[in-house]
Amino acid sequence: MKERPNEPSIFINGVKLFEGQALTLRVAVEVFISDLTENGLGDDEHGIVMKKSYLKRLGEIRDLMFFKREEE
């Protein structure tokens, strides 16, 4: 993974998170990905579909945080 000079710019309801808040959100996304990958959401059809869906959306968010950053 390439080095990032700072945390991603993240806005919630029009408010820009400061660096520590953005870092916390980034780590939460990574932990959720790790937990879903390791533990899933059950072996039934619904759990399998939900796991796949969450991982897809989380991957998109991860890509935005790490690779598609606009200069401020």
C-alpha atoms as a PDB file:
ATOM      1  CA  MET A   1       0.000   0.000   0.000  1.00  0.00           C
ATOM      2  CA  LYS A   2       1.425   3.380  -0.916  1.00  0.00           C
ATOM      3  CA  GLU A   3       2.236   5.908   1.793  1.00  0.00           C
ATOM      4  CA  ARG A   4      -0.365   8.581   2.540  1.00  0.00           C
ATOM      5  CA  PRO A   5       0.757  12.022   3.684  1.00  0.00           C
ATOM      6  CA  ASN A   6      -2.390  12.440   5.828  1.00  0.00           C
ATOM      7  CA  GLU A   7      -5.823  11.027   6.495  1.00  0.00           C
ATOM      8  CA  PRO A   8      -8.615  11.223   3.905  1.00  0.00           C
ATOM      9  CA  SER A   9     -10.981  14.197   3.859  1.00  0.00           C
ATOM     10  CA  ILE A  10     -14.275  12.958   5.264  1.00  0.00           C
ATOM     11  CA  PHE A  11     -17.432  15.028   5.658  1.00  0.00           C
ATOM     12  CA  ILE A  12     -20.504  14.067   7.668  1.00  0.00           C
ATOM     13  CA  ASN A  13     -23.593  16.235   7.216  1.00  0.00           C
ATOM     14  CA  GLY A  14     -21.426  18.988   5.772  1.00  0.00           C
ATOM     15  CA  VAL A  15     -18.912  18.940   8.641  1.00  0.00           C
ATOM     16  CA  LYS A  16     -15.316  18.018   7.843  1.00  0.00           C
ATOM     17  CA  LEU A  17     -13.836  15.555  10.313  1.00  0.00           C
ATOM     18  CA  PHE A  18     -10.503  16.482  11.820  1.00  0.00           C
ATOM     19  CA  GLU A  19      -7.548  14.131  11.292  1.00  0.00           C
ATOM     20  CA  GLY A  20      -8.096  12.021  14.435  1.00  0.00           C
ATOM     21  CA  GLN A  21     -11.772  11.514  13.591  1.00  0.00           C
ATOM     22  CA  ALA A  22     -10.937  10.534   9.999  1.00  0.00           C
ATOM     23  CA  LEU A  23      -8.294   8.106  11.270  1.00  0.00           C
ATOM     24  CA  THR A  24     -10.855   6.554  13.636  1.00  0.00           C
ATOM     25  CA  LEU A  25     -13.340   6.076  10.797  1.00  0.00           C
ATOM     26  CA  ARG A  26     -10.665   4.609   8.514  1.00  0.00           C
ATOM     27  CA  VAL A  27      -9.619   2.117  11.203  1.00  0.00           C
ATOM     28  CA  ALA A  28     -13.275   1.196  11.862  1.00  0.00           C
ATOM     29  CA  VAL A  29     -13.737   0.376   8.173  1.00  0.00           C
ATOM     30  CA  GLU A  30     -10.624  -1.824   8.197  1.00  0.00           C
ATOM     31  CA  VAL A  31     -11.728  -3.640  11.371  1.00  0.00           C
ATOM     32  CA  PHE A  32     -15.229  -4.212   9.966  1.00  0.00           C
ATOM     33  CA  ILE A  33     -13.720  -5.661   6.762  1.00  0.00           C
ATOM     34  CA  SER A  34     -11.476  -7.925   8.819  1.00  0.00           C
ATOM     35  CA  ASP A  35     -14.336  -9.086  11.060  1.00  0.00           C
ATOM     36  CA  LEU A  36     -16.671  -9.775   8.136  1.00  0.00           C
ATOM     37  CA  THR A  37     -13.950 -11.681   6.310  1.00  0.00           C
ATOM     38  CA  GLU A  38     -13.091 -13.777   9.366  1.00  0.00           C
ATOM     39  CA  ASN A  39     -16.516 -14.259  10.963  1.00  0.00           C
ATOM     40  CA  GLY A  40     -19.098 -13.487   8.288  1.00  0.00           C
ATOM     41  CA  LEU A  41     -22.755 -12.887   9.102  1.00  0.00           C
ATOM     42  CA  GLY A  42     -23.983 -16.447   9.314  1.00  0.00           C
ATOM     43  CA  ASP A  43     -24.074 -19.390   6.954  1.00  0.00           C
ATOM     44  CA  ASP A  44     -27.638 -18.891   5.771  1.00  0.00           C
ATOM     45  CA  GLU A  45     -28.426 -17.314   2.401  1.00  0.00           C
ATOM     46  CA  HIS A  46     -29.236 -13.896   3.902  1.00  0.00           C
ATOM     47  CA  GLY A  47     -25.983 -13.741   5.903  1.00  0.00           C
ATOM     48  CA  ILE A  48     -23.920 -14.733   2.872  1.00  0.00           C
ATOM     49  CA  VAL A  49     -25.596 -12.110   0.654  1.00  0.00           C
ATOM     50  CA  MET A  50     -25.226  -9.406   3.311  1.00  0.00           C
ATOM     51  CA  LYS A  51     -21.539 -10.222   3.850  1.00  0.00           C
ATOM     52  CA  LYS A  52     -20.870 -10.006   0.116  1.00  0.00           C
ATOM     53  CA  SER A  53     -22.787  -6.719  -0.142  1.00  0.00           C
ATOM     54  CA  TYR A  54     -21.065  -5.120   2.849  1.00  0.00           C
ATOM     55  CA  LEU A  55     -17.615  -6.164   1.611  1.00  0.00           C
ATOM     56  CA  LYS A  56     -18.337  -4.696  -1.822  1.00  0.00           C
ATOM     57  CA  ARG A  57     -19.429  -1.328  -0.378  1.00  0.00           C
ATOM     58  CA  LEU A  58     -16.578  -1.298   2.148  1.00  0.00           C
ATOM     59  CA  GLY A  59     -14.104  -1.991  -0.670  1.00  0.00           C
ATOM     60  CA  GLU A  60     -15.460   1.007  -2.564  1.00  0.00           C
ATOM     61  CA  ILE A  61     -15.100   3.184   0.541  1.00  0.00           C
ATOM     62  CA  ARG A  62     -11.574   1.868   1.136  1.00  0.00           C
ATOM     63  CA  ASP A  63     -10.600   2.688  -2.453  1.00  0.00           C
ATOM     64  CA  LEU A  64     -11.867   6.247  -2.013  1.00  0.00           C
ATOM     65  CA  MET A  65      -9.935   6.677   1.228  1.00  0.00           C
ATOM     66  CA  PHE A  66      -6.668   5.260  -0.087  1.00  0.00           C
ATOM     67  CA  PHE A  67      -6.531   5.842  -3.826  1.00  0.00           C
ATOM     68  CA  LYS A  68      -8.993   8.429  -5.146  1.00  0.00           C
ATOM     69  CA  ARG A  69      -8.215  11.455  -3.053  1.00  0.00           C
ATOM     70  CA  GLU A  70      -8.601  14.949  -4.363  1.00  0.00           C
ATOM     71  CA  GLU A  71      -6.150  17.641  -3.347  1.00  0.00           C
ATOM     72  CA  GLU A  72      -7.595  20.067  -0.839  1.00  0.00           C
END
